[in-house]
């Protein structure tokens, strides 16, 4: 039962970030091991699951933060283009912008970095027929 939980949970959290299969497998194994270790140590199931999930997500934190930052920028600046924040557009955008979003100036969310990302999203929106609704 727990094994299914870890697989489903990780896949649902990382669905947009293009994680590699081997990376996912290692994270799932780490989550399972953490869960089992915490249960043997006497922690209740929900606490053990919380610790296991946190451990499982460590390799993906930077990319998940980038996805959250992009989602926030889309909500603030492109609310009249809701397709950009949904599949398949969000995943395409995230993949294209990941190198920028994970670079240090962009991770700090400064205005100039955000303006560059917003410009790139606007260019993408104009050139991508699937995502701009045409």
N, C-alpha and C. Protein backbone atom coordinates (compact mmCIF):
# COMPACT_ATOMS: atom_id res chain seq x y z
N UNK A 1 0.83 -1.20 0.00
CA UNK A 1 0.00 0.00 0.00
C UNK A 1 0.87 1.25 0.00
N UNK A 2 1.88 1.31 0.90
CA UNK A 2 2.73 2.49 0.97
C UNK A 2 3.48 2.71 -0.35
N UNK A 3 3.91 1.60 -0.98
CA UNK A 3 4.64 1.71 -2.24
C UNK A 3 3.79 2.42 -3.28
N UNK A 4 2.54 2.05 -3.38
CA UNK A 4 1.66 2.72 -4.33
C UNK A 4 1.51 4.20 -3.97
N UNK A 5 1.43 4.50 -2.71
CA UNK A 5 1.30 5.89 -2.28
C UNK A 5 2.50 6.70 -2.76
N UNK A 6 3.70 6.20 -2.54
CA UNK A 6 4.90 6.95 -2.92
C UNK A 6 4.98 7.18 -4.42
N UNK A 7 4.66 6.18 -5.18
CA UNK A 7 4.69 6.32 -6.64
C UNK A 7 3.67 7.36 -7.09
N UNK A 8 2.44 7.20 -6.65
CA UNK A 8 1.38 8.13 -7.07
C UNK A 8 1.65 9.55 -6.59
N UNK A 9 2.09 9.68 -5.37
CA UNK A 9 2.35 11.02 -4.82
C UNK A 9 3.47 11.72 -5.58
N UNK A 10 4.57 11.03 -5.80
CA UNK A 10 5.70 11.65 -6.49
C UNK A 10 5.34 11.99 -7.93
N UNK A 11 4.66 11.08 -8.61
CA UNK A 11 4.28 11.37 -10.00
C UNK A 11 3.32 12.55 -10.10
N UNK A 12 2.42 12.68 -9.14
CA UNK A 12 1.49 13.81 -9.19
C UNK A 12 2.19 15.13 -8.90
N UNK A 13 3.18 15.12 -8.03
CA UNK A 13 3.89 16.35 -7.69
C UNK A 13 4.86 16.77 -8.79
N UNK A 14 5.47 15.80 -9.44
CA UNK A 14 6.52 16.11 -10.42
C UNK A 14 6.04 16.05 -11.87
N UNK A 15 4.76 15.98 -12.10
CA UNK A 15 4.26 15.77 -13.46
C UNK A 15 4.68 16.85 -14.46
N UNK A 16 4.93 18.06 -14.02
CA UNK A 16 5.27 19.14 -14.94
C UNK A 16 6.77 19.36 -15.14
N UNK A 17 7.61 18.74 -14.33
CA UNK A 17 9.03 19.13 -14.34
C UNK A 17 9.94 18.23 -15.17
N UNK A 18 9.39 17.28 -15.89
CA UNK A 18 10.20 16.41 -16.75
C UNK A 18 11.32 15.71 -15.99
N UNK A 19 10.98 15.08 -14.89
CA UNK A 19 11.96 14.32 -14.12
C UNK A 19 12.30 13.03 -14.86
N UNK A 20 13.55 12.63 -14.78
CA UNK A 20 13.98 11.40 -15.42
C UNK A 20 13.51 10.19 -14.62
N UNK A 21 13.29 9.10 -15.34
CA UNK A 21 12.77 7.88 -14.72
C UNK A 21 13.69 7.40 -13.58
N UNK A 22 14.97 7.37 -13.83
CA UNK A 22 15.92 6.90 -12.80
C UNK A 22 15.87 7.79 -11.57
N UNK A 23 15.72 9.06 -11.79
CA UNK A 23 15.62 10.04 -10.70
C UNK A 23 14.37 9.78 -9.85
N UNK A 24 13.28 9.49 -10.51
CA UNK A 24 12.03 9.18 -9.82
C UNK A 24 12.15 7.89 -9.00
N UNK A 25 12.76 6.89 -9.59
CA UNK A 25 12.92 5.60 -8.89
C UNK A 25 13.76 5.79 -7.63
N UNK A 26 14.87 6.51 -7.74
CA UNK A 26 15.71 6.75 -6.56
C UNK A 26 14.96 7.51 -5.47
N UNK A 27 14.18 8.49 -5.88
CA UNK A 27 13.42 9.27 -4.91
C UNK A 27 12.36 8.41 -4.22
N UNK A 28 11.70 7.56 -4.98
CA UNK A 28 10.69 6.66 -4.40
C UNK A 28 11.35 5.71 -3.41
N UNK A 29 12.50 5.16 -3.78
CA UNK A 29 13.22 4.27 -2.87
C UNK A 29 13.61 5.00 -1.58
N UNK A 30 14.07 6.24 -1.73
CA UNK A 30 14.45 7.04 -0.56
C UNK A 30 13.22 7.30 0.32
N UNK A 31 12.08 7.59 -0.30
CA UNK A 31 10.85 7.81 0.46
C UNK A 31 10.42 6.58 1.21
N UNK A 32 10.47 5.44 0.55
CA UNK A 32 10.08 4.17 1.20
C UNK A 32 11.00 3.87 2.38
N UNK A 33 12.30 4.03 2.16
CA UNK A 33 13.27 3.75 3.23
C UNK A 33 13.05 4.69 4.42
N UNK A 34 12.81 5.95 4.15
CA UNK A 34 12.57 6.91 5.22
C UNK A 34 11.30 6.56 5.99
N UNK A 35 10.27 6.20 5.25
CA UNK A 35 9.01 5.81 5.89
C UNK A 35 9.23 4.61 6.81
N UNK A 36 9.87 3.58 6.29
CA UNK A 36 10.10 2.38 7.09
C UNK A 36 10.96 2.67 8.32
N UNK A 37 11.98 3.47 8.14
CA UNK A 37 12.86 3.84 9.25
C UNK A 37 12.07 4.61 10.32
N UNK A 38 11.24 5.54 9.91
CA UNK A 38 10.44 6.32 10.85
C UNK A 38 9.40 5.48 11.57
N UNK A 39 8.81 4.55 10.86
CA UNK A 39 7.83 3.66 11.50
C UNK A 39 8.51 2.76 12.53
N UNK A 40 9.70 2.23 12.19
CA UNK A 40 10.44 1.41 13.16
C UNK A 40 10.85 2.22 14.37
N UNK A 41 11.05 3.53 14.16
CA UNK A 41 11.42 4.41 15.27
C UNK A 41 10.21 4.79 16.12
N UNK A 42 9.02 4.37 15.70
CA UNK A 42 7.83 4.60 16.50
C UNK A 42 6.96 5.77 16.09
N UNK A 43 7.28 6.43 14.99
CA UNK A 43 6.44 7.55 14.54
C UNK A 43 5.12 7.02 13.99
N UNK A 44 4.06 7.81 14.13
CA UNK A 44 2.77 7.40 13.58
C UNK A 44 2.82 7.50 12.05
N UNK A 45 1.87 6.88 11.39
CA UNK A 45 1.86 6.78 9.93
C UNK A 45 1.89 8.14 9.26
N UNK A 46 1.05 9.06 9.70
CA UNK A 46 0.99 10.36 9.00
C UNK A 46 2.30 11.14 9.15
N UNK A 47 2.92 11.10 10.31
CA UNK A 47 4.20 11.78 10.49
C UNK A 47 5.29 11.11 9.67
N UNK A 48 5.29 9.78 9.66
CA UNK A 48 6.28 9.05 8.85
C UNK A 48 6.11 9.36 7.37
N UNK A 49 4.86 9.48 6.91
CA UNK A 49 4.62 9.84 5.51
C UNK A 49 5.10 11.26 5.21
N UNK A 50 4.86 12.18 6.11
CA UNK A 50 5.33 13.57 5.91
C UNK A 50 6.85 13.61 5.77
N UNK A 51 7.55 12.90 6.65
CA UNK A 51 9.01 12.88 6.60
C UNK A 51 9.49 12.21 5.31
N UNK A 52 8.83 11.12 4.93
CA UNK A 52 9.21 10.40 3.72
C UNK A 52 8.99 11.28 2.48
N UNK A 53 7.87 12.00 2.44
CA UNK A 53 7.60 12.86 1.30
C UNK A 53 8.63 13.98 1.20
N UNK A 54 8.97 14.58 2.32
CA UNK A 54 9.98 15.64 2.32
C UNK A 54 11.32 15.11 1.80
N UNK A 55 11.69 13.94 2.25
CA UNK A 55 12.94 13.32 1.81
C UNK A 55 12.88 12.98 0.32
N UNK A 56 11.76 12.50 -0.12
CA UNK A 56 11.57 12.10 -1.51
C UNK A 56 11.67 13.30 -2.46
N UNK A 57 11.27 14.47 -2.01
CA UNK A 57 11.23 15.65 -2.88
C UNK A 57 12.53 16.44 -2.95
N UNK A 58 13.48 16.12 -2.10
CA UNK A 58 14.74 16.88 -2.06
C UNK A 58 15.38 17.07 -3.44
N UNK A 59 15.51 16.01 -4.25
CA UNK A 59 16.17 16.22 -5.55
C UNK A 59 15.40 17.11 -6.52
N UNK A 60 14.14 17.35 -6.24
CA UNK A 60 13.28 18.09 -7.16
C UNK A 60 12.96 19.51 -6.69
N UNK A 61 13.45 19.88 -5.53
CA UNK A 61 13.06 21.15 -4.91
C UNK A 61 13.29 22.36 -5.80
N UNK A 62 14.46 22.46 -6.41
CA UNK A 62 14.76 23.64 -7.24
C UNK A 62 13.79 23.72 -8.41
N UNK A 63 13.52 22.58 -9.05
CA UNK A 63 12.62 22.58 -10.20
C UNK A 63 11.17 22.81 -9.78
N UNK A 64 10.77 22.27 -8.64
CA UNK A 64 9.41 22.51 -8.16
C UNK A 64 9.23 23.98 -7.77
N UNK A 65 10.26 24.58 -7.19
CA UNK A 65 10.21 26.01 -6.88
C UNK A 65 10.11 26.84 -8.16
N UNK A 66 10.85 26.42 -9.19
CA UNK A 66 10.78 27.13 -10.48
C UNK A 66 9.38 27.04 -11.07
N UNK A 67 8.77 25.87 -10.97
CA UNK A 67 7.41 25.69 -11.49
C UNK A 67 6.43 26.58 -10.73
N UNK A 68 6.60 26.65 -9.42
CA UNK A 68 5.72 27.51 -8.61
C UNK A 68 5.92 28.97 -8.97
N UNK A 69 7.16 29.37 -9.19
CA UNK A 69 7.43 30.76 -9.57
C UNK A 69 6.79 31.08 -10.92
N UNK A 70 6.94 30.18 -11.88
CA UNK A 70 6.34 30.40 -13.20
C UNK A 70 4.82 30.47 -13.09
N UNK A 71 4.23 29.57 -12.32
CA UNK A 71 2.77 29.58 -12.13
C UNK A 71 2.32 30.92 -11.55
N UNK A 72 3.06 31.42 -10.57
CA UNK A 72 2.74 32.72 -9.97
C UNK A 72 2.82 33.85 -10.98
N UNK A 73 3.87 33.85 -11.78
CA UNK A 73 4.01 34.89 -12.81
C UNK A 73 2.89 34.81 -13.84
N UNK A 74 2.49 33.60 -14.19
CA UNK A 74 1.39 33.45 -15.15
C UNK A 74 0.08 33.96 -14.56
N UNK A 75 -0.16 33.65 -13.31
CA UNK A 75 -1.40 34.11 -12.66
C UNK A 75 -1.43 35.63 -12.54
N UNK A 76 -0.29 36.23 -12.24
CA UNK A 76 -0.23 37.69 -12.08
C UNK A 76 -0.31 38.43 -13.40
N UNK A 77 0.33 37.89 -14.43
CA UNK A 77 0.53 38.65 -15.66
C UNK A 77 -0.21 38.13 -16.88
N UNK A 78 -0.74 36.93 -16.80
CA UNK A 78 -1.41 36.34 -17.95
C UNK A 78 -2.74 35.71 -17.56
N UNK A 79 -3.44 36.36 -16.65
CA UNK A 79 -4.72 35.81 -16.18
C UNK A 79 -5.76 35.75 -17.30
N UNK A 80 -5.58 36.54 -18.35
CA UNK A 80 -6.50 36.50 -19.48
C UNK A 80 -6.11 35.41 -20.50
N UNK A 81 -5.07 34.65 -20.18
CA UNK A 81 -4.63 33.52 -21.01
C UNK A 81 -4.50 32.28 -20.11
N UNK A 82 -5.60 31.77 -19.61
CA UNK A 82 -5.53 30.65 -18.66
C UNK A 82 -4.92 29.37 -19.24
N UNK A 83 -4.92 29.24 -20.58
CA UNK A 83 -4.33 28.04 -21.19
C UNK A 83 -2.85 27.90 -20.85
N UNK A 84 -2.18 29.02 -20.64
CA UNK A 84 -0.75 28.97 -20.36
C UNK A 84 -0.43 28.23 -19.06
N UNK A 85 -1.36 28.23 -18.13
CA UNK A 85 -1.12 27.60 -16.84
C UNK A 85 -1.63 26.16 -16.77
N UNK A 86 -2.05 25.62 -17.91
CA UNK A 86 -2.57 24.24 -17.93
C UNK A 86 -1.80 23.42 -18.96
N UNK A 87 -2.02 22.11 -18.89
CA UNK A 87 -1.37 21.21 -19.85
C UNK A 87 -1.97 21.43 -21.22
N UNK A 88 -1.22 21.30 -22.28
CA UNK A 88 0.21 21.02 -22.33
C UNK A 88 1.08 22.27 -22.26
N UNK A 89 0.47 23.43 -22.29
CA UNK A 89 1.23 24.69 -22.39
C UNK A 89 2.18 24.91 -21.21
N UNK A 90 1.70 24.68 -20.00
CA UNK A 90 2.55 24.93 -18.83
C UNK A 90 3.80 24.06 -18.87
N UNK A 91 3.63 22.81 -19.21
CA UNK A 91 4.78 21.90 -19.24
C UNK A 91 5.78 22.32 -20.31
N UNK A 92 5.30 22.75 -21.46
CA UNK A 92 6.18 23.22 -22.54
C UNK A 92 6.92 24.48 -22.09
N UNK A 93 6.18 25.42 -21.55
CA UNK A 93 6.79 26.66 -21.06
C UNK A 93 7.83 26.38 -20.00
N UNK A 94 7.48 25.56 -19.05
CA UNK A 94 8.40 25.24 -17.96
C UNK A 94 9.67 24.61 -18.49
N UNK A 95 9.52 23.69 -19.42
CA UNK A 95 10.69 23.04 -20.01
C UNK A 95 11.58 24.06 -20.71
N UNK A 96 10.98 24.97 -21.48
CA UNK A 96 11.75 25.97 -22.21
C UNK A 96 12.42 26.99 -21.27
N UNK A 97 11.75 27.32 -20.19
CA UNK A 97 12.26 28.37 -19.29
C UNK A 97 13.04 27.83 -18.10
N UNK A 98 13.10 26.52 -17.93
CA UNK A 98 13.76 25.93 -16.76
C UNK A 98 15.20 26.43 -16.57
N UNK A 99 16.02 26.52 -17.63
CA UNK A 99 17.38 27.03 -17.40
C UNK A 99 17.40 28.44 -16.79
N UNK A 100 16.48 29.27 -17.22
CA UNK A 100 16.41 30.62 -16.64
C UNK A 100 15.86 30.58 -15.21
N UNK A 101 14.78 29.85 -15.03
CA UNK A 101 14.11 29.83 -13.72
C UNK A 101 14.98 29.25 -12.62
N UNK A 102 15.92 28.38 -12.98
CA UNK A 102 16.77 27.76 -11.96
C UNK A 102 18.10 28.49 -11.78
N UNK A 103 18.37 29.50 -12.60
CA UNK A 103 19.57 30.32 -12.41
C UNK A 103 19.38 31.23 -11.20
N UNK A 104 20.46 31.53 -10.52
CA UNK A 104 20.38 32.24 -9.24
C UNK A 104 19.58 33.55 -9.27
N UNK A 105 19.81 34.46 -10.24
CA UNK A 105 19.02 35.71 -10.21
C UNK A 105 17.52 35.47 -10.32
N UNK A 106 17.15 34.45 -11.08
CA UNK A 106 15.74 34.16 -11.29
C UNK A 106 15.14 33.46 -10.08
N UNK A 107 15.94 32.65 -9.40
CA UNK A 107 15.46 31.96 -8.22
C UNK A 107 15.15 32.96 -7.11
N UNK A 108 15.83 34.08 -7.13
CA UNK A 108 15.58 35.11 -6.11
C UNK A 108 14.36 35.95 -6.45
N UNK A 109 13.86 35.81 -7.67
CA UNK A 109 12.63 36.50 -8.06
C UNK A 109 12.76 38.01 -8.18
N UNK A 110 13.93 38.51 -8.61
CA UNK A 110 14.05 39.96 -8.73
C UNK A 110 13.25 40.46 -9.94
N UNK A 111 12.94 41.73 -9.93
CA UNK A 111 12.02 42.30 -10.94
C UNK A 111 12.55 42.19 -12.36
N UNK A 112 13.83 42.45 -12.55
CA UNK A 112 14.39 42.38 -13.89
C UNK A 112 14.33 40.95 -14.43
N UNK A 113 14.66 39.99 -13.59
CA UNK A 113 14.59 38.58 -14.00
C UNK A 113 13.15 38.21 -14.33
N UNK A 114 12.21 38.63 -13.50
CA UNK A 114 10.80 38.33 -13.76
C UNK A 114 10.33 38.99 -15.05
N UNK A 115 10.80 40.21 -15.32
CA UNK A 115 10.41 40.90 -16.56
C UNK A 115 10.90 40.13 -17.78
N UNK A 116 12.10 39.58 -17.70
CA UNK A 116 12.62 38.79 -18.81
C UNK A 116 11.77 37.54 -19.03
N UNK A 117 11.41 36.87 -17.95
CA UNK A 117 10.57 35.68 -18.06
C UNK A 117 9.21 36.03 -18.64
N UNK A 118 8.62 37.13 -18.18
CA UNK A 118 7.32 37.56 -18.69
C UNK A 118 7.40 37.85 -20.19
N UNK A 119 8.49 38.48 -20.61
CA UNK A 119 8.69 38.73 -22.04
C UNK A 119 8.79 37.44 -22.84
N UNK A 120 9.50 36.48 -22.32
CA UNK A 120 9.63 35.19 -22.99
C UNK A 120 8.29 34.45 -23.05
N UNK A 121 7.51 34.57 -21.99
CA UNK A 121 6.18 33.95 -21.99
C UNK A 121 5.29 34.63 -23.04
N UNK A 122 5.37 35.95 -23.13
CA UNK A 122 4.57 36.68 -24.12
C UNK A 122 4.96 36.26 -25.54
N UNK A 123 6.26 36.13 -25.79
CA UNK A 123 6.72 35.66 -27.11
C UNK A 123 6.20 34.25 -27.39
N UNK A 124 6.28 33.39 -26.39
CA UNK A 124 5.80 32.02 -26.53
C UNK A 124 4.30 32.03 -26.84
N UNK A 125 3.56 32.83 -26.12
CA UNK A 125 2.11 32.90 -26.30
C UNK A 125 1.74 33.33 -27.71
N UNK A 126 2.49 34.28 -28.26
CA UNK A 126 2.20 34.76 -29.61
C UNK A 126 2.57 33.74 -30.68
N UNK A 127 3.60 32.94 -30.42
CA UNK A 127 4.08 32.03 -31.46
C UNK A 127 3.53 30.61 -31.36
N UNK A 128 2.92 30.25 -30.26
CA UNK A 128 2.44 28.89 -30.07
C UNK A 128 0.94 28.84 -30.30
N UNK A 129 0.53 28.25 -31.40
CA UNK A 129 -0.90 28.24 -31.77
C UNK A 129 -1.76 27.43 -30.78
N UNK A 130 -1.22 26.35 -30.25
CA UNK A 130 -1.98 25.55 -29.30
C UNK A 130 -2.30 26.32 -28.04
N UNK A 131 -1.32 27.09 -27.58
CA UNK A 131 -1.46 27.75 -26.29
C UNK A 131 -2.10 29.12 -26.37
N UNK A 132 -2.10 29.76 -27.53
CA UNK A 132 -2.72 31.08 -27.57
C UNK A 132 -4.18 31.04 -28.01
N UNK A 133 -4.69 29.82 -28.22
CA UNK A 133 -6.13 29.68 -28.48
C UNK A 133 -6.52 29.80 -29.94
N UNK A 134 -5.57 29.90 -30.83
CA UNK A 134 -5.89 30.00 -32.26
C UNK A 134 -6.04 28.65 -32.89
